[in-house]
């Protein structure tokens, strides 16, 4: 599967469990990976056959306007659902990095949503074509 990645998009959102922490917007880095076939877009050099990563970045940047979250887990889920609903990749992975613990580079959550199907083995293909009986009809 092919993937479009937006790496470390910088946002300033209101996130944190204590009310005081949510009072000020804080810097977060968001990475979004979207799985979809890119061969048709590449062959035709056609933006309409892919996901416009600029549009995705603008939607994510706008997501925080007038909103706040207690958990970065909830923020990651909201981003994943927005991307799946509006841009329709087969699967999406979202990582949210927060710079809250001074002893660490960052704290992050990473989630995956959608269907990332594993390729079928040859035996599974044969089985599916002959009514579920492995090795052929008996």
N, C-alpha and C. Protein backbone atom coordinates (compact mmCIF):
# COMPACT_ATOMS: atom_id res chain seq x y z
N UNK A 1 0.85 -1.19 0.00
CA UNK A 1 0.00 0.00 0.00
C UNK A 1 0.89 1.24 0.00
N UNK A 2 0.44 2.26 -0.69
CA UNK A 2 1.16 3.53 -0.75
C UNK A 2 0.69 4.42 0.40
N UNK A 3 1.52 5.37 0.75
CA UNK A 3 1.23 6.23 1.91
C UNK A 3 1.61 7.67 1.63
N UNK A 4 0.74 8.59 2.01
CA UNK A 4 1.06 10.02 2.05
C UNK A 4 1.26 10.36 3.52
N UNK A 5 2.36 11.05 3.81
CA UNK A 5 2.68 11.41 5.19
C UNK A 5 2.79 12.91 5.34
N UNK A 6 2.12 13.44 6.33
CA UNK A 6 2.32 14.82 6.78
C UNK A 6 3.04 14.68 8.12
N UNK A 7 4.29 15.07 8.17
CA UNK A 7 5.12 14.83 9.35
C UNK A 7 5.28 16.09 10.20
N UNK A 8 4.94 15.96 11.46
CA UNK A 8 5.17 17.01 12.46
C UNK A 8 4.54 18.35 12.09
N UNK A 9 3.28 18.32 11.73
CA UNK A 9 2.52 19.55 11.51
C UNK A 9 2.39 20.27 12.85
N UNK A 10 2.88 21.49 12.92
CA UNK A 10 2.85 22.23 14.19
C UNK A 10 1.52 22.94 14.36
N UNK A 11 0.87 22.68 15.50
CA UNK A 11 -0.40 23.33 15.83
C UNK A 11 -0.29 23.89 17.25
N UNK A 12 -1.19 24.75 17.58
CA UNK A 12 -1.31 25.27 18.95
C UNK A 12 -2.75 25.06 19.37
N UNK A 13 -2.96 24.01 20.17
CA UNK A 13 -4.30 23.62 20.62
C UNK A 13 -4.35 23.65 22.15
N UNK A 14 -5.56 23.73 22.66
CA UNK A 14 -5.82 23.70 24.09
C UNK A 14 -6.04 22.24 24.51
N UNK A 15 -5.01 21.65 25.13
CA UNK A 15 -5.05 20.24 25.53
C UNK A 15 -4.48 20.10 26.92
N UNK A 16 -5.15 19.30 27.75
CA UNK A 16 -4.62 18.99 29.08
C UNK A 16 -5.71 18.60 30.04
N UNK A 17 -5.38 17.75 30.98
CA UNK A 17 -6.37 17.29 31.95
C UNK A 17 -6.76 18.40 32.91
N UNK A 18 -5.81 19.08 33.56
CA UNK A 18 -6.22 20.17 34.47
C UNK A 18 -6.75 21.38 33.69
N UNK A 19 -7.75 22.03 34.24
CA UNK A 19 -8.31 23.22 33.60
C UNK A 19 -7.24 24.26 33.31
N UNK A 20 -6.29 24.42 34.25
CA UNK A 20 -5.23 25.42 34.08
C UNK A 20 -4.38 25.12 32.85
N UNK A 21 -4.15 23.85 32.58
CA UNK A 21 -3.32 23.48 31.43
C UNK A 21 -4.02 23.81 30.11
N UNK A 22 -5.33 23.73 30.11
CA UNK A 22 -6.09 24.02 28.88
C UNK A 22 -6.32 25.52 28.67
N UNK A 23 -5.94 26.36 29.63
CA UNK A 23 -6.16 27.80 29.51
C UNK A 23 -5.37 28.41 28.35
N UNK A 24 -4.15 27.90 28.14
CA UNK A 24 -3.30 28.43 27.06
C UNK A 24 -3.12 27.36 26.00
N UNK A 25 -3.11 27.80 24.76
CA UNK A 25 -2.82 26.86 23.67
C UNK A 25 -1.37 26.43 23.81
N UNK A 26 -1.12 25.16 23.57
CA UNK A 26 0.26 24.67 23.64
C UNK A 26 0.67 24.02 22.33
N UNK A 27 1.94 24.06 22.11
CA UNK A 27 2.53 23.52 20.88
C UNK A 27 2.43 22.00 20.87
N UNK A 28 1.91 21.46 19.77
CA UNK A 28 1.84 20.03 19.53
C UNK A 28 2.37 19.78 18.13
N UNK A 29 2.92 18.60 17.90
CA UNK A 29 3.29 18.18 16.55
C UNK A 29 2.42 16.99 16.18
N UNK A 30 1.82 17.06 15.00
CA UNK A 30 0.90 16.02 14.54
C UNK A 30 1.44 15.41 13.26
N UNK A 31 1.52 14.09 13.25
CA UNK A 31 1.91 13.36 12.05
C UNK A 31 0.71 12.52 11.61
N UNK A 32 0.40 12.61 10.32
CA UNK A 32 -0.72 11.86 9.75
C UNK A 32 -0.19 11.06 8.57
N UNK A 33 -0.45 9.76 8.58
CA UNK A 33 -0.10 8.88 7.46
C UNK A 33 -1.39 8.33 6.88
N UNK A 34 -1.57 8.51 5.58
CA UNK A 34 -2.80 8.08 4.91
C UNK A 34 -2.46 7.04 3.85
N UNK A 35 -3.06 5.86 3.97
CA UNK A 35 -2.82 4.78 3.02
C UNK A 35 -3.86 4.81 1.91
N UNK A 36 -3.38 4.75 0.68
CA UNK A 36 -4.24 4.70 -0.49
C UNK A 36 -3.38 4.34 -1.69
N UNK A 37 -3.97 3.77 -2.73
CA UNK A 37 -3.19 3.50 -3.93
C UNK A 37 -2.88 4.81 -4.66
N UNK A 38 -1.62 5.00 -5.01
CA UNK A 38 -1.20 6.25 -5.66
C UNK A 38 -0.83 6.06 -7.13
N UNK A 39 -0.94 4.84 -7.63
CA UNK A 39 -0.49 4.56 -8.99
C UNK A 39 -1.26 5.35 -10.05
N UNK A 40 -2.58 5.47 -9.93
CA UNK A 40 -3.37 6.20 -10.92
C UNK A 40 -3.01 7.68 -10.93
N UNK A 41 -2.83 8.26 -9.75
CA UNK A 41 -2.45 9.67 -9.65
C UNK A 41 -1.07 9.89 -10.27
N UNK A 42 -0.15 8.97 -9.98
CA UNK A 42 1.21 9.11 -10.51
C UNK A 42 1.24 8.93 -12.02
N UNK A 43 0.52 7.93 -12.53
CA UNK A 43 0.50 7.70 -13.98
C UNK A 43 -0.04 8.90 -14.74
N UNK A 44 -1.10 9.48 -14.23
CA UNK A 44 -1.72 10.60 -14.94
C UNK A 44 -1.30 11.96 -14.44
N UNK A 45 -0.40 12.01 -13.43
CA UNK A 45 0.00 13.28 -12.84
C UNK A 45 -1.24 14.09 -12.46
N UNK A 46 -2.19 13.40 -11.78
CA UNK A 46 -3.55 13.92 -11.58
C UNK A 46 -3.88 14.05 -10.10
N UNK A 47 -3.96 15.28 -9.61
CA UNK A 47 -4.27 15.55 -8.21
C UNK A 47 -5.64 15.00 -7.80
N UNK A 48 -6.58 14.93 -8.73
CA UNK A 48 -7.92 14.46 -8.38
C UNK A 48 -7.95 12.97 -8.04
N UNK A 49 -6.88 12.25 -8.31
CA UNK A 49 -6.83 10.81 -8.03
C UNK A 49 -6.01 10.49 -6.78
N UNK A 50 -5.79 11.50 -5.95
CA UNK A 50 -5.04 11.31 -4.71
C UNK A 50 -5.67 12.17 -3.63
N UNK A 51 -5.03 12.26 -2.49
CA UNK A 51 -5.47 13.13 -1.40
C UNK A 51 -4.59 14.37 -1.40
N UNK A 52 -5.21 15.52 -1.40
CA UNK A 52 -4.49 16.78 -1.39
C UNK A 52 -3.98 17.04 0.03
N UNK A 53 -2.70 16.83 0.26
CA UNK A 53 -2.16 16.95 1.61
C UNK A 53 -2.23 18.38 2.14
N UNK A 54 -2.25 19.37 1.25
CA UNK A 54 -2.43 20.76 1.71
C UNK A 54 -3.81 20.91 2.36
N UNK A 55 -4.84 20.37 1.70
CA UNK A 55 -6.20 20.45 2.25
C UNK A 55 -6.30 19.74 3.59
N UNK A 56 -5.65 18.59 3.72
CA UNK A 56 -5.65 17.86 4.99
C UNK A 56 -5.01 18.71 6.08
N UNK A 57 -3.87 19.30 5.77
CA UNK A 57 -3.17 20.12 6.77
C UNK A 57 -4.02 21.31 7.21
N UNK A 58 -4.71 21.94 6.28
CA UNK A 58 -5.56 23.10 6.63
C UNK A 58 -6.72 22.67 7.54
N UNK A 59 -7.32 21.51 7.25
CA UNK A 59 -8.43 21.02 8.08
C UNK A 59 -7.95 20.71 9.50
N UNK A 60 -6.77 20.11 9.61
CA UNK A 60 -6.24 19.80 10.93
C UNK A 60 -5.93 21.09 11.68
N UNK A 61 -5.30 22.05 11.01
CA UNK A 61 -5.00 23.33 11.66
C UNK A 61 -6.26 24.02 12.15
N UNK A 62 -7.34 23.92 11.38
CA UNK A 62 -8.60 24.55 11.77
C UNK A 62 -9.38 23.80 12.83
N UNK A 63 -9.02 22.56 13.07
CA UNK A 63 -9.77 21.73 14.02
C UNK A 63 -9.75 22.29 15.43
N UNK A 64 -8.69 22.97 15.80
CA UNK A 64 -8.56 23.46 17.17
C UNK A 64 -9.27 24.76 17.47
N UNK A 65 -9.82 25.40 16.46
CA UNK A 65 -10.47 26.69 16.67
C UNK A 65 -11.70 26.54 17.56
N UNK A 66 -11.64 27.17 18.73
CA UNK A 66 -12.77 27.15 19.66
C UNK A 66 -12.98 25.82 20.35
N UNK A 67 -12.00 24.93 20.29
CA UNK A 67 -12.14 23.61 20.91
C UNK A 67 -11.02 23.36 21.90
N UNK A 68 -11.26 22.37 22.76
CA UNK A 68 -10.22 21.92 23.67
C UNK A 68 -10.44 20.44 23.98
N UNK A 69 -9.37 19.79 24.37
CA UNK A 69 -9.39 18.37 24.69
C UNK A 69 -8.65 18.16 26.00
N UNK A 70 -9.11 17.20 26.78
CA UNK A 70 -8.37 16.79 27.97
C UNK A 70 -7.23 15.86 27.59
N UNK A 71 -7.49 14.95 26.66
CA UNK A 71 -6.52 13.91 26.32
C UNK A 71 -6.03 14.05 24.88
N UNK A 72 -4.73 13.82 24.68
CA UNK A 72 -4.23 13.79 23.31
C UNK A 72 -4.76 12.55 22.58
N UNK A 73 -5.17 11.53 23.32
CA UNK A 73 -5.80 10.36 22.71
C UNK A 73 -7.09 10.76 21.99
N UNK A 74 -7.88 11.61 22.63
CA UNK A 74 -9.14 12.07 22.02
C UNK A 74 -8.86 12.95 20.82
N UNK A 75 -7.87 13.82 20.91
CA UNK A 75 -7.49 14.64 19.78
C UNK A 75 -7.06 13.78 18.60
N UNK A 76 -6.23 12.76 18.86
CA UNK A 76 -5.78 11.86 17.79
C UNK A 76 -6.99 11.17 17.14
N UNK A 77 -7.92 10.71 17.93
CA UNK A 77 -9.13 10.06 17.40
C UNK A 77 -9.94 11.03 16.56
N UNK A 78 -10.11 12.26 17.02
CA UNK A 78 -10.86 13.26 16.25
C UNK A 78 -10.20 13.53 14.89
N UNK A 79 -8.88 13.61 14.88
CA UNK A 79 -8.16 13.83 13.62
C UNK A 79 -8.33 12.63 12.70
N UNK A 80 -8.18 11.43 13.24
CA UNK A 80 -8.33 10.22 12.41
C UNK A 80 -9.72 10.16 11.79
N UNK A 81 -10.75 10.42 12.57
CA UNK A 81 -12.12 10.35 12.05
C UNK A 81 -12.37 11.43 11.00
N UNK A 82 -11.84 12.63 11.21
CA UNK A 82 -11.96 13.70 10.23
C UNK A 82 -11.32 13.29 8.90
N UNK A 83 -10.11 12.75 8.96
CA UNK A 83 -9.39 12.36 7.74
C UNK A 83 -10.14 11.23 7.03
N UNK A 84 -10.59 10.22 7.77
CA UNK A 84 -11.32 9.12 7.15
C UNK A 84 -12.61 9.61 6.49
N UNK A 85 -13.34 10.45 7.19
CA UNK A 85 -14.64 10.93 6.70
C UNK A 85 -14.49 11.87 5.50
N UNK A 86 -13.56 12.80 5.57
CA UNK A 86 -13.49 13.84 4.54
C UNK A 86 -12.55 13.51 3.38
N UNK A 87 -11.53 12.69 3.63
CA UNK A 87 -10.52 12.46 2.59
C UNK A 87 -10.46 11.01 2.12
N UNK A 88 -11.08 10.12 2.84
CA UNK A 88 -11.32 8.74 2.46
C UNK A 88 -10.10 7.88 2.11
N UNK A 89 -9.04 7.93 2.92
CA UNK A 89 -7.97 6.96 2.70
C UNK A 89 -8.47 5.58 3.15
N UNK A 90 -7.76 4.56 2.75
CA UNK A 90 -8.13 3.22 3.22
C UNK A 90 -7.82 3.06 4.71
N UNK A 91 -6.76 3.69 5.16
CA UNK A 91 -6.39 3.67 6.58
C UNK A 91 -5.65 4.96 6.90
N UNK A 92 -5.67 5.31 8.17
CA UNK A 92 -4.96 6.51 8.62
C UNK A 92 -4.28 6.20 9.95
N UNK A 93 -3.08 6.72 10.11
CA UNK A 93 -2.37 6.67 11.37
C UNK A 93 -2.11 8.11 11.81
N UNK A 94 -2.35 8.37 13.08
CA UNK A 94 -2.16 9.72 13.62
C UNK A 94 -1.30 9.62 14.86
N UNK A 95 -0.27 10.46 14.90
CA UNK A 95 0.55 10.59 16.09
C UNK A 95 0.48 12.03 16.56
N UNK A 96 0.25 12.22 17.86
CA UNK A 96 0.23 13.54 18.47
C UNK A 96 1.34 13.60 19.50
N UNK A 97 2.25 14.56 19.33
CA UNK A 97 3.36 14.75 20.27
C UNK A 97 3.08 15.99 21.12
N UNK A 98 3.27 15.82 22.41
CA UNK A 98 3.03 16.90 23.37
C UNK A 98 4.31 17.10 24.18
N UNK A 99 4.63 18.36 24.45
CA UNK A 99 5.88 18.71 25.12
C UNK A 99 5.58 19.19 26.54
N UNK A 100 5.21 18.23 27.39
CA UNK A 100 4.72 18.58 28.72
C UNK A 100 5.65 18.14 29.85
N UNK A 101 6.40 17.07 29.65
CA UNK A 101 7.30 16.59 30.69
C UNK A 101 8.71 17.10 30.41
N UNK A 102 9.25 17.93 31.29
CA UNK A 102 10.56 18.55 31.02
C UNK A 102 11.70 17.53 30.90
N UNK A 103 11.53 16.36 31.47
CA UNK A 103 12.59 15.35 31.44
C UNK A 103 12.58 14.53 30.14
N UNK A 104 11.65 14.80 29.26
CA UNK A 104 11.52 14.02 28.02
C UNK A 104 11.55 14.93 26.81
N UNK A 105 11.86 14.35 25.67
CA UNK A 105 11.77 15.11 24.41
C UNK A 105 10.29 15.41 24.12
N UNK A 106 9.43 14.40 24.27
CA UNK A 106 7.99 14.57 24.11
C UNK A 106 7.28 13.34 24.63
N UNK A 107 5.97 13.48 24.79
CA UNK A 107 5.07 12.37 25.07
C UNK A 107 4.17 12.27 23.84
N UNK A 108 3.84 11.05 23.42
CA UNK A 108 3.01 10.95 22.23
C UNK A 108 2.03 9.79 22.32
N UNK A 109 0.98 9.89 21.52
CA UNK A 109 0.09 8.76 21.28
C UNK A 109 0.06 8.55 19.77
N UNK A 110 -0.13 7.31 19.39
CA UNK A 110 -0.23 6.96 17.97
C UNK A 110 -1.38 5.99 17.82
N UNK A 111 -2.31 6.31 16.92
CA UNK A 111 -3.44 5.44 16.67
C UNK A 111 -3.54 5.12 15.19
N UNK A 112 -4.23 4.04 14.90
CA UNK A 112 -4.47 3.63 13.52
C UNK A 112 -5.95 3.29 13.37
N UNK A 113 -6.55 3.81 12.32
CA UNK A 113 -7.96 3.55 12.05
C UNK A 113 -8.13 3.23 10.57
N UNK A 114 -9.17 2.49 10.23
CA UNK A 114 -9.43 2.11 8.85
C UNK A 114 -9.04 0.67 8.64
N UNK A 115 -9.00 0.27 7.39
CA UNK A 115 -8.71 -1.13 7.11
C UNK A 115 -7.40 -1.27 6.38
N UNK A 116 -6.44 -1.83 7.06
CA UNK A 116 -5.15 -2.17 6.44
C UNK A 116 -5.13 -3.68 6.32
N UNK A 117 -5.70 -4.17 5.26
CA UNK A 117 -5.79 -5.61 5.07
C UNK A 117 -4.45 -6.17 4.65
N UNK A 118 -4.10 -7.30 5.26
CA UNK A 118 -2.88 -8.00 4.86
C UNK A 118 -3.15 -8.73 3.55
N UNK A 119 -2.17 -8.81 2.66
CA UNK A 119 -2.36 -9.56 1.43
C UNK A 119 -2.67 -11.02 1.74
N UNK A 120 -3.53 -11.62 0.93
CA UNK A 120 -3.87 -13.02 1.11
C UNK A 120 -2.70 -13.90 0.69
N UNK A 121 -2.57 -15.01 1.39
CA UNK A 121 -1.59 -16.00 0.98
C UNK A 121 -2.16 -16.76 -0.22
N UNK A 122 -1.31 -17.49 -0.93
CA UNK A 122 -1.78 -18.28 -2.08
C UNK A 122 -2.83 -19.28 -1.64
N UNK A 123 -2.65 -19.92 -0.48
CA UNK A 123 -3.62 -20.90 0.01
C UNK A 123 -4.96 -20.24 0.30
N UNK A 124 -4.95 -19.02 0.83
CA UNK A 124 -6.20 -18.32 1.10
C UNK A 124 -6.92 -17.96 -0.19
N UNK A 125 -6.18 -17.58 -1.21
CA UNK A 125 -6.78 -17.25 -2.50
C UNK A 125 -7.43 -18.49 -3.09
N UNK A 126 -6.72 -19.60 -3.11
CA UNK A 126 -7.27 -20.85 -3.65
C UNK A 126 -8.50 -21.26 -2.87
N UNK A 127 -8.43 -21.19 -1.54
CA UNK A 127 -9.56 -21.58 -0.69
C UNK A 127 -10.77 -20.71 -0.98
N UNK A 128 -10.58 -19.41 -1.13
CA UNK A 128 -11.71 -18.52 -1.34
C UNK A 128 -12.36 -18.74 -2.71
N UNK A 129 -11.60 -19.21 -3.68
CA UNK A 129 -12.13 -19.42 -5.03
C UNK A 129 -12.85 -20.75 -5.19
N UNK A 130 -12.65 -21.68 -4.27
CA UNK A 130 -13.26 -22.99 -4.43
C UNK A 130 -14.19 -23.35 -3.27
N UNK A 131 -14.80 -22.33 -2.73
CA UNK A 131 -15.83 -22.58 -1.74
C UNK A 131 -15.33 -22.94 -0.34
N UNK A 132 -14.14 -22.52 -0.01
CA UNK A 132 -13.68 -22.70 1.34
C UNK A 132 -13.05 -24.04 1.66
N UNK A 133 -12.81 -24.85 0.67
CA UNK A 133 -12.18 -26.16 0.90
C UNK A 133 -10.71 -26.07 0.54
N UNK A 134 -9.81 -26.07 1.54
CA UNK A 134 -8.39 -25.97 1.22
C UNK A 134 -7.93 -27.10 0.31
N UNK A 135 -7.10 -26.77 -0.66
CA UNK A 135 -6.51 -27.81 -1.51
C UNK A 135 -7.39 -28.29 -2.63
N UNK A 136 -8.54 -27.75 -2.81
CA UNK A 136 -9.40 -28.16 -3.92
C UNK A 136 -10.68 -28.83 -3.46
N UNK A 137 -11.56 -29.10 -4.38
CA UNK A 137 -12.81 -29.77 -4.07
C UNK A 137 -12.55 -31.23 -3.76
N UNK A 138 -13.28 -31.77 -2.80
CA UNK A 138 -13.07 -33.16 -2.41
C UNK A 138 -14.34 -33.93 -2.59
